[in-house]
Amino acid sequence: MKRREAVGAMAMAALTAAFKWTPAEAARAATFARDAMKAKTPFAPAFFTPHEWDTARVLADLVLPKDERSGSATDAGVPEYMDFMLTDRPDGQTPMRGGLAWLDNECYERDRRHRLAQEG
């Protein structure tokens, strides 16, 4: 089994358990993500705001970056899968939005402190 296949299997198992999905629901979500990638039309997130969408794509690629052998998480449709998953499972929406908001605030505060230190 290749590394990406193993990561995909582990992610599928974790998502199935975390969101209490049946294997059929998880397979449906994976099919949705693959179909969205094949469509070659711009994906319009149903859950993420435009800013959250940009952030989720960057974060996904930090976890699974493109390398000389394989594509990145965005190449694999991970953000589309996340959007589908979160649209279908409201119990994960608040934690996701809260985490992204925390990250935005943390970045803002660190940047502000850095600028103040440079001025002072």
C-alpha atoms as a PDB file:
ATOM      1  CA  MET A   1       0.000   0.000   0.000  1.00  0.00           C
ATOM      2  CA  LYS A   2       1.363   3.409  -0.944  1.00  0.00           C
ATOM      3  CA  ARG A   3       1.731   6.186   1.611  1.00  0.00           C
ATOM      4  CA  ARG A   4      -1.141   8.233   0.193  1.00  0.00           C
ATOM      5  CA  GLU A   5      -3.414   5.204   0.063  1.00  0.00           C
ATOM      6  CA  ALA A   6      -2.604   4.501   3.719  1.00  0.00           C
ATOM      7  CA  VAL A   7      -3.251   8.135   4.675  1.00  0.00           C
ATOM      8  CA  GLY A   8      -6.514   8.037   2.734  1.00  0.00           C
ATOM      9  CA  ALA A   9      -7.636   4.851   4.478  1.00  0.00           C
ATOM     10  CA  MET A  10      -6.744   6.273   7.893  1.00  0.00           C
ATOM     11  CA  ALA A  11      -8.531   9.540   7.106  1.00  0.00           C
ATOM     12  CA  MET A  12     -11.613   7.694   5.934  1.00  0.00           C
ATOM     13  CA  ALA A  13     -11.666   5.611   9.125  1.00  0.00           C
ATOM     14  CA  ALA A  14     -11.170   8.677  11.317  1.00  0.00           C
ATOM     15  CA  LEU A  15     -13.866  10.675   9.550  1.00  0.00           C
ATOM     16  CA  THR A  16     -16.269   7.757   9.656  1.00  0.00           C
ATOM     17  CA  ALA A  17     -15.749   7.452  13.407  1.00  0.00           C
ATOM     18  CA  ALA A  18     -15.631  11.175  14.198  1.00  0.00           C
ATOM     19  CA  PHE A  19     -18.752  12.063  12.282  1.00  0.00           C
ATOM     20  CA  LYS A  20     -20.537   8.761  12.944  1.00  0.00           C
ATOM     21  CA  TRP A  21     -20.787   8.091   9.233  1.00  0.00           C
ATOM     22  CA  THR A  22     -21.621   4.690   7.924  1.00  0.00           C
ATOM     23  CA  PRO A  23     -19.131   3.293   5.418  1.00  0.00           C
ATOM     24  CA  ALA A  24     -21.732   3.991   2.699  1.00  0.00           C
ATOM     25  CA  GLU A  25     -21.950   7.687   3.700  1.00  0.00           C
ATOM     26  CA  ALA A  26     -18.153   7.989   3.704  1.00  0.00           C
ATOM     27  CA  ALA A  27     -17.960   6.353   0.276  1.00  0.00           C
ATOM     28  CA  ARG A  28     -20.650   8.744  -1.021  1.00  0.00           C
ATOM     29  CA  ALA A  29     -18.634  11.722   0.207  1.00  0.00           C
ATOM     30  CA  ALA A  30     -15.460  10.398  -1.408  1.00  0.00           C
ATOM     31  CA  THR A  31     -17.328   9.886  -4.697  1.00  0.00           C
ATOM     32  CA  PHE A  32     -18.662  13.441  -4.483  1.00  0.00           C
ATOM     33  CA  ALA A  33     -15.147  14.822  -4.035  1.00  0.00           C
ATOM     34  CA  ARG A  34     -13.777  12.779  -6.960  1.00  0.00           C
ATOM     35  CA  ASP A  35     -16.649  13.869  -9.216  1.00  0.00           C
ATOM     36  CA  ALA A  36     -16.096  17.518  -8.281  1.00  0.00           C
ATOM     37  CA  MET A  37     -12.447  17.233  -9.265  1.00  0.00           C
ATOM     38  CA  LYS A  38     -13.294  15.625 -12.614  1.00  0.00           C
ATOM     39  CA  ALA A  39     -15.880  18.317 -13.434  1.00  0.00           C
ATOM     40  CA  LYS A  40     -13.141  20.880 -14.169  1.00  0.00           C
ATOM     41  CA  THR A  41     -15.517  23.675 -13.207  1.00  0.00           C
ATOM     42  CA  PRO A  42     -14.717  25.947 -10.292  1.00  0.00           C
ATOM     43  CA  PHE A  43     -15.963  24.441  -7.075  1.00  0.00           C
ATOM     44  CA  ALA A  44     -18.412  26.609  -5.142  1.00  0.00           C
ATOM     45  CA  PRO A  45     -18.209  25.721  -1.453  1.00  0.00           C
ATOM     46  CA  ALA A  46     -21.558  25.213   0.245  1.00  0.00           C
ATOM     47  CA  PHE A  47     -20.217  25.485   3.803  1.00  0.00           C
ATOM     48  CA  PHE A  48     -17.027  27.537   3.752  1.00  0.00           C
ATOM     49  CA  THR A  49     -17.027  31.298   3.250  1.00  0.00           C
ATOM     50  CA  PRO A  50     -14.559  32.489   0.572  1.00  0.00           C
ATOM     51  CA  HIS A  51     -11.965  33.366   3.236  1.00  0.00           C
ATOM     52  CA  GLU A  52     -12.465  30.063   5.076  1.00  0.00           C
ATOM     53  CA  TRP A  53     -12.179  28.228   1.754  1.00  0.00           C
ATOM     54  CA  ASP A  54      -8.813  29.821   1.023  1.00  0.00           C
ATOM     55  CA  THR A  55      -7.592  29.011   4.529  1.00  0.00           C
ATOM     56  CA  ALA A  56      -8.809  25.399   4.409  1.00  0.00           C
ATOM     57  CA  ARG A  57      -7.009  24.873   1.089  1.00  0.00           C
ATOM     58  CA  VAL A  58      -3.722  26.236   2.454  1.00  0.00           C
ATOM     59  CA  LEU A  59      -4.000  24.154   5.629  1.00  0.00           C
ATOM     60  CA  ALA A  60      -4.810  20.970   3.702  1.00  0.00           C
ATOM     61  CA  ASP A  61      -1.728  21.482   1.527  1.00  0.00           C
ATOM     62  CA  LEU A  62       0.426  22.038   4.609  1.00  0.00           C
ATOM     63  CA  VAL A  63      -0.677  18.629   5.882  1.00  0.00           C
ATOM     64  CA  LEU A  64      -0.317  16.860   2.504  1.00  0.00           C
ATOM     65  CA  PRO A  65       1.991  18.919   0.291  1.00  0.00           C
ATOM     66  CA  LYS A  66       2.764  18.151  -3.326  1.00  0.00           C
ATOM     67  CA  ASP A  67       5.997  16.256  -3.783  1.00  0.00           C
ATOM     68  CA  GLU A  68       7.955  14.774  -6.668  1.00  0.00           C
ATOM     69  CA  ARG A  69       5.732  11.664  -6.730  1.00  0.00           C
ATOM     70  CA  SER A  70       2.284  12.833  -5.696  1.00  0.00           C
ATOM     71  CA  GLY A  71      -0.075  15.757  -5.839  1.00  0.00           C
ATOM     72  CA  SER A  72      -1.165  17.879  -2.904  1.00  0.00           C
ATOM     73  CA  ALA A  73      -4.278  17.632  -0.763  1.00  0.00           C
ATOM     74  CA  THR A  74      -6.008  20.167  -2.989  1.00  0.00           C
ATOM     75  CA  ASP A  75      -5.022  18.102  -6.032  1.00  0.00           C
ATOM     76  CA  ALA A  76      -6.761  15.149  -4.362  1.00  0.00           C
ATOM     77  CA  GLY A  77      -9.932  17.141  -3.617  1.00  0.00           C
ATOM     78  CA  VAL A  78      -9.548  17.177   0.155  1.00  0.00           C
ATOM     79  CA  PRO A  79     -11.024  20.686   0.598  1.00  0.00           C
ATOM     80  CA  GLU A  80     -14.041  19.732  -1.531  1.00  0.00           C
ATOM     81  CA  TYR A  81     -14.476  16.622   0.601  1.00  0.00           C
ATOM     82  CA  MET A  82     -14.273  18.713   3.771  1.00  0.00           C
ATOM     83  CA  ASP A  83     -16.884  21.148   2.437  1.00  0.00           C
ATOM     84  CA  PHE A  84     -19.227  18.300   1.564  1.00  0.00           C
ATOM     85  CA  MET A  85     -18.665  16.631   4.922  1.00  0.00           C
ATOM     86  CA  LEU A  86     -19.337  19.819   6.866  1.00  0.00           C
ATOM     87  CA  THR A  87     -22.423  20.676   4.845  1.00  0.00           C
ATOM     88  CA  ASP A  88     -23.831  17.233   5.556  1.00  0.00           C
ATOM     89  CA  ARG A  89     -22.842  17.132   9.242  1.00  0.00           C
ATOM     90  CA  PRO A  90     -23.786  20.270  11.199  1.00  0.00           C
ATOM     91  CA  ASP A  91     -22.198  18.917  14.400  1.00  0.00           C
ATOM     92  CA  GLY A  92     -18.770  19.647  12.909  1.00  0.00           C
ATOM     93  CA  GLN A  93     -19.535  23.151  11.666  1.00  0.00           C
ATOM     94  CA  THR A  94     -19.039  25.102  14.891  1.00  0.00           C
ATOM     95  CA  PRO A  95     -15.705  23.442  15.746  1.00  0.00           C
ATOM     96  CA  MET A  96     -14.432  24.042  12.198  1.00  0.00           C
ATOM     97  CA  ARG A  97     -15.541  27.675  12.085  1.00  0.00           C
ATOM     98  CA  GLY A  98     -14.224  28.244  15.604  1.00  0.00           C
ATOM     99  CA  GLY A  99     -10.855  26.763  14.730  1.00  0.00           C
ATOM    100  CA  LEU A 100     -10.517  28.843  11.580  1.00  0.00           C
ATOM    101  CA  ALA A 101     -11.572  31.991  13.454  1.00  0.00           C
ATOM    102  CA  TRP A 102      -9.037  31.227  16.198  1.00  0.00           C
ATOM    103  CA  LEU A 103      -6.310  30.774  13.588  1.00  0.00           C
ATOM    104  CA  ASP A 104      -7.199  34.073  11.898  1.00  0.00           C
ATOM    105  CA  ASN A 105      -7.139  35.894  15.228  1.00  0.00           C
ATOM    106  CA  GLU A 106      -3.866  34.277  16.290  1.00  0.00           C
ATOM    107  CA  CYS A 107      -2.211  35.260  13.001  1.00  0.00           C
ATOM    108  CA  TYR A 108      -3.546  38.804  13.307  1.00  0.00           C
ATOM    109  CA  GLU A 109      -2.292  39.154  16.893  1.00  0.00           C
ATOM    110  CA  ARG A 110       1.140  37.744  16.090  1.00  0.00           C
ATOM    111  CA  ASP A 111       1.470  40.081  13.131  1.00  0.00           C
ATOM    112  CA  ARG A 112       0.385  43.032  15.292  1.00  0.00           C
ATOM    113  CA  ARG A 113       2.913  42.154  18.020  1.00  0.00           C
ATOM    114  CA  HIS A 114       5.643  41.722  15.424  1.00  0.00           C
ATOM    115  CA  ARG A 115       4.924  45.138  13.907  1.00  0.00           C
ATOM    116  CA  LEU A 116       4.876  46.787  17.324  1.00  0.00           C
ATOM    117  CA  ALA A 117       8.209  45.181  18.198  1.00  0.00           C
ATOM    118  CA  GLN A 118       9.738  46.477  14.968  1.00  0.00           C
ATOM    119  CA  GLU A 119       8.488  50.005  15.661  1.00  0.00           C
ATOM    120  CA  GLY A 120       9.478  50.091  19.258  1.00  0.00           C
END
